[in-house]
Amino acid sequence: MDTQARLDLQEFRASALERNQEQLQFLLKRLLQSLDYYMALVVPLERIQSFLPIFERYYPEENWVRKLLLMIINYGKAPDNDISEMALQQSFSAAGMGNFLKAVYDLTQAMRESNTPEVRIGFMASAVVNIIMAELAEAWYGKRPKAWERVRTGEEPHASKIALTFWTDAQTAEADSAAWLAVAESIEAKLLRKAQG
C-alpha cells in the first residue's frame, strides 16, 4: 500500500470518529480510485448485501432486489437500466428503505460502461453513503414508527426536530462512526491484497 493511501485511511478513520461527512465522502472517492474497479465495487456491494435481509423482512414479496444483486455478483455486469430504475420508481415507506434502494440504484449506475471512471466512482461513493444512512435510519426510526411517519410526511415543526434528534442521538453517532470505520477496514484489506499482488 502506498503512503498516500495509508495517510488517506488514517484521515478517513479520524473523520469517521468526528462524523465529518464531507471529508469522509472526499476521502472515500480517493480511496476507491486507488483500488481496481471490481475491488472498489465490492465496498458498497458488501454493505448492500448485508442489509438485504432487513429489506426482505419488511417486504418479503419483493424478491427482485435479490435477483438484481445476484445478477451483478454472478455476471459482473449492470442489469438493464429499466430493471435498475425499478429501485427508484417504487415507494417503500419503511425507515431506511428509500436509502437502501437508492444505494442499489447507485451500484447499478457504477457498473454502466457508458459512465466515465470518475462518475462510476461517484456512484460507488453515493451507494456507500446511502447504505449507511439506510442502516442508521432503520435502526433508530424502526423503533420509533410515529417519529418516522412525521419525518417522512414532513409534518412541521416536528419533522426537523425529530431528524435532528435522530442524527445527534448517541447510538446513531456510535453506529455512524462504526459503519464508516468498517468501510475503512474493507478498503484497507483490499489495498493490502492489491499490494501483495
Protein backbone atom coordinates (compact mmCIF):
# COMPACT_ATOMS: atom_id res chain seq x y z
CA MET A 1 0.00 0.00 0.00
CA ASP A 2 1.43 3.38 -0.93
CA THR A 3 2.00 6.22 1.52
CA GLN A 4 -0.87 8.36 0.20
CA ALA A 5 -3.40 5.57 0.69
CA ARG A 6 -2.05 4.95 4.20
CA LEU A 7 -2.42 8.65 5.05
CA ASP A 8 -5.88 8.78 3.49
CA LEU A 9 -7.00 5.79 5.57
CA GLN A 10 -5.65 7.42 8.73
CA GLU A 11 -7.54 10.64 7.96
CA PHE A 12 -10.63 8.64 6.93
CA ARG A 13 -10.71 6.93 10.33
CA ALA A 14 -10.29 10.25 12.14
CA SER A 15 -13.12 11.73 10.05
CA ALA A 16 -15.30 8.72 10.90
CA LEU A 17 -14.85 9.38 14.61
CA GLU A 18 -15.57 13.10 14.09
CA ARG A 19 -18.53 12.27 11.81
CA ASN A 20 -17.16 14.70 9.23
CA GLN A 21 -19.40 13.64 6.34
CA GLU A 22 -17.87 15.95 3.73
CA GLN A 23 -14.33 14.76 4.41
CA LEU A 24 -15.44 11.12 4.57
CA GLN A 25 -17.00 11.35 1.11
CA PHE A 26 -13.98 13.12 -0.36
CA LEU A 27 -11.56 10.53 1.05
CA LEU A 28 -13.85 7.65 0.14
CA LYS A 29 -13.74 8.65 -3.52
CA ARG A 30 -9.96 8.98 -3.42
CA LEU A 31 -9.53 5.61 -1.74
CA LEU A 32 -11.93 3.89 -4.14
CA GLN A 33 -9.94 5.34 -7.06
CA SER A 34 -6.81 3.66 -5.71
CA LEU A 35 -8.46 0.22 -5.97
CA ASP A 36 -9.03 -1.90 -9.04
CA TYR A 37 -12.55 -1.31 -10.37
CA TYR A 38 -14.16 -4.59 -9.23
CA MET A 39 -12.48 -4.42 -5.82
CA ALA A 40 -13.84 -0.89 -5.38
CA LEU A 41 -17.30 -2.07 -6.41
CA VAL A 42 -17.26 -4.69 -3.64
CA VAL A 43 -17.05 -1.94 -0.97
CA PRO A 44 -20.69 -0.78 -1.39
CA LEU A 45 -21.85 -4.24 -2.51
CA GLU A 46 -20.81 -5.84 0.80
CA ARG A 47 -22.95 -3.45 2.84
CA ILE A 48 -25.88 -3.61 0.43
CA GLN A 49 -25.86 -7.41 0.64
CA SER A 50 -25.74 -7.34 4.42
CA PHE A 51 -28.79 -5.01 4.52
CA LEU A 52 -30.81 -7.09 2.05
CA PRO A 53 -32.30 -9.42 4.73
CA ILE A 54 -33.58 -6.35 6.61
CA PHE A 55 -35.29 -5.08 3.43
CA GLU A 56 -36.75 -8.55 2.83
CA ARG A 57 -38.03 -8.72 6.40
CA TYR A 58 -40.11 -5.60 5.71
CA TYR A 59 -41.02 -6.61 2.14
CA PRO A 60 -40.81 -10.42 1.83
CA GLU A 61 -42.62 -10.46 -1.53
CA GLU A 62 -40.07 -8.12 -3.18
CA ASN A 63 -37.52 -10.67 -4.44
CA TRP A 64 -36.43 -8.57 -7.44
CA VAL A 65 -33.70 -6.83 -5.38
CA ARG A 66 -32.09 -10.18 -4.51
CA LYS A 67 -32.28 -11.25 -8.17
CA LEU A 68 -30.71 -7.98 -9.29
CA LEU A 69 -27.83 -8.34 -6.80
CA LEU A 70 -27.28 -11.98 -7.81
CA MET A 71 -27.08 -10.87 -11.45
CA ILE A 72 -24.44 -8.29 -10.52
CA ILE A 73 -22.43 -10.79 -8.44
CA ASN A 74 -22.67 -13.70 -10.90
CA TYR A 75 -22.10 -11.82 -14.15
CA GLY A 76 -20.26 -8.67 -13.06
CA LYS A 77 -22.42 -6.56 -15.36
CA ALA A 78 -25.03 -3.92 -14.79
CA PRO A 79 -28.63 -5.01 -15.32
CA ASP A 80 -30.75 -3.26 -17.93
CA ASN A 81 -31.48 0.33 -16.99
CA ASP A 82 -35.21 -0.47 -16.85
CA ILE A 83 -34.56 -3.03 -14.11
CA SER A 84 -32.25 -0.78 -12.09
CA GLU A 85 -34.67 2.14 -12.34
CA MET A 86 -37.25 -0.01 -10.56
CA ALA A 87 -35.22 0.75 -7.46
CA LEU A 88 -36.21 4.40 -7.69
CA GLN A 89 -39.71 4.11 -9.12
CA GLN A 90 -41.26 2.07 -6.34
CA SER A 91 -42.21 3.51 -2.99
CA PHE A 92 -41.21 1.63 0.14
CA SER A 93 -42.22 3.61 3.18
CA ALA A 94 -40.36 1.79 5.98
CA ALA A 95 -37.48 3.69 7.57
CA GLY A 96 -34.24 3.45 5.61
CA MET A 97 -35.69 1.63 2.62
CA GLY A 98 -35.55 4.64 0.31
CA ASN A 99 -31.85 5.00 1.05
CA PHE A 100 -31.32 1.27 0.54
CA LEU A 101 -32.95 1.34 -2.89
CA LYS A 102 -31.01 4.47 -3.83
CA ALA A 103 -27.82 2.57 -2.88
CA VAL A 104 -28.90 -0.33 -5.12
CA TYR A 105 -29.57 2.09 -7.97
CA ASP A 106 -26.20 3.82 -7.42
CA LEU A 107 -24.49 0.43 -7.55
CA THR A 108 -26.05 -0.34 -10.92
CA GLN A 109 -25.01 3.06 -12.25
CA ALA A 110 -21.45 2.47 -11.02
CA MET A 111 -21.42 -0.50 -13.39
CA ARG A 112 -22.52 1.41 -16.51
CA GLU A 113 -19.69 1.34 -19.03
CA SER A 114 -21.15 4.49 -20.61
CA ASN A 115 -20.22 6.42 -17.45
CA THR A 116 -16.69 7.80 -17.06
CA PRO A 117 -14.44 6.25 -14.37
CA GLU A 118 -14.90 9.37 -12.21
CA VAL A 119 -18.70 9.16 -12.49
CA ARG A 120 -18.62 5.46 -11.64
CA ILE A 121 -16.56 6.16 -8.51
CA GLY A 122 -19.03 8.91 -7.60
CA PHE A 123 -21.89 6.41 -7.80
CA MET A 124 -19.97 3.91 -5.65
CA ALA A 125 -19.39 6.59 -3.01
CA SER A 126 -23.06 7.59 -3.15
CA ALA A 127 -24.03 3.93 -2.69
CA VAL A 128 -21.88 3.73 0.46
CA VAL A 129 -23.38 6.95 1.87
CA ASN A 130 -26.92 5.74 1.15
CA ILE A 131 -26.49 2.26 2.56
CA ILE A 132 -25.00 3.64 5.78
CA MET A 133 -27.92 6.08 6.05
CA ALA A 134 -30.32 3.17 5.45
CA GLU A 135 -28.72 1.25 8.32
CA LEU A 136 -28.87 4.24 10.68
CA ALA A 137 -32.45 5.22 9.79
CA GLU A 138 -33.80 1.68 10.08
CA ALA A 139 -32.05 1.14 13.43
CA TRP A 140 -33.35 4.37 15.00
CA TYR A 141 -36.68 5.09 13.31
CA GLY A 142 -37.54 1.39 13.12
CA LYS A 143 -38.06 1.57 16.90
CA ARG A 144 -39.93 4.89 16.58
CA PRO A 145 -42.56 4.46 13.84
CA LYS A 146 -44.55 7.56 14.85
CA ALA A 147 -41.41 9.73 14.64
CA TRP A 148 -40.62 8.20 11.24
CA GLU A 149 -44.11 8.97 9.94
CA ARG A 150 -43.77 12.61 10.98
CA VAL A 151 -40.36 12.92 9.31
CA ARG A 152 -41.48 11.05 6.19
CA THR A 153 -44.52 13.25 5.70
CA GLY A 154 -42.59 16.41 6.63
CA GLU A 155 -45.00 17.23 9.44
CA GLU A 156 -43.67 20.54 10.73
CA PRO A 157 -42.50 21.78 13.16
CA HIS A 158 -41.83 18.27 14.48
CA ALA A 159 -40.04 16.78 11.44
CA SER A 160 -36.92 18.94 11.67
CA LYS A 161 -36.68 18.47 15.43
CA ILE A 162 -37.07 14.71 15.15
CA ALA A 163 -34.48 14.47 12.35
CA LEU A 164 -32.01 16.43 14.49
CA THR A 165 -32.72 14.19 17.49
CA PHE A 166 -32.08 11.13 15.32
CA TRP A 167 -28.80 12.50 13.93
CA THR A 168 -27.44 13.65 17.32
CA ASP A 169 -28.56 10.56 19.25
CA ALA A 170 -25.61 8.83 20.95
CA GLN A 171 -26.48 5.43 19.46
CA THR A 172 -26.81 6.90 15.96
CA ALA A 173 -23.46 8.66 16.35
CA GLU A 174 -21.79 5.47 17.54
CA ALA A 175 -23.33 3.38 14.74
CA ASP A 176 -22.41 6.02 12.13
CA SER A 177 -18.75 6.07 13.18
CA ALA A 178 -18.67 2.27 13.40
CA ALA A 179 -20.10 1.91 9.89
CA TRP A 180 -17.50 4.25 8.39
CA LEU A 181 -14.71 2.51 10.32
CA ALA A 182 -15.93 -0.80 8.87
CA VAL A 183 -15.72 0.74 5.38
CA ALA A 184 -12.13 1.77 6.19
CA GLU A 185 -11.35 -1.83 7.21
CA SER A 186 -12.84 -3.15 3.99
CA ILE A 187 -10.83 -0.73 1.84
CA GLU A 188 -7.62 -1.37 3.78
CA ALA A 189 -7.98 -5.15 3.31
CA LYS A 190 -8.41 -4.67 -0.44
CA LEU A 191 -5.45 -2.27 -0.66
CA LEU A 192 -3.26 -4.77 1.18
CA ARG A 193 -4.38 -7.56 -1.13
CA LYS A 194 -3.59 -5.35 -4.13
CA ALA A 195 -0.13 -4.53 -2.72
CA GLN A 196 0.62 -8.24 -2.26
CA GLY A 197 -0.17 -8.80 -5.93
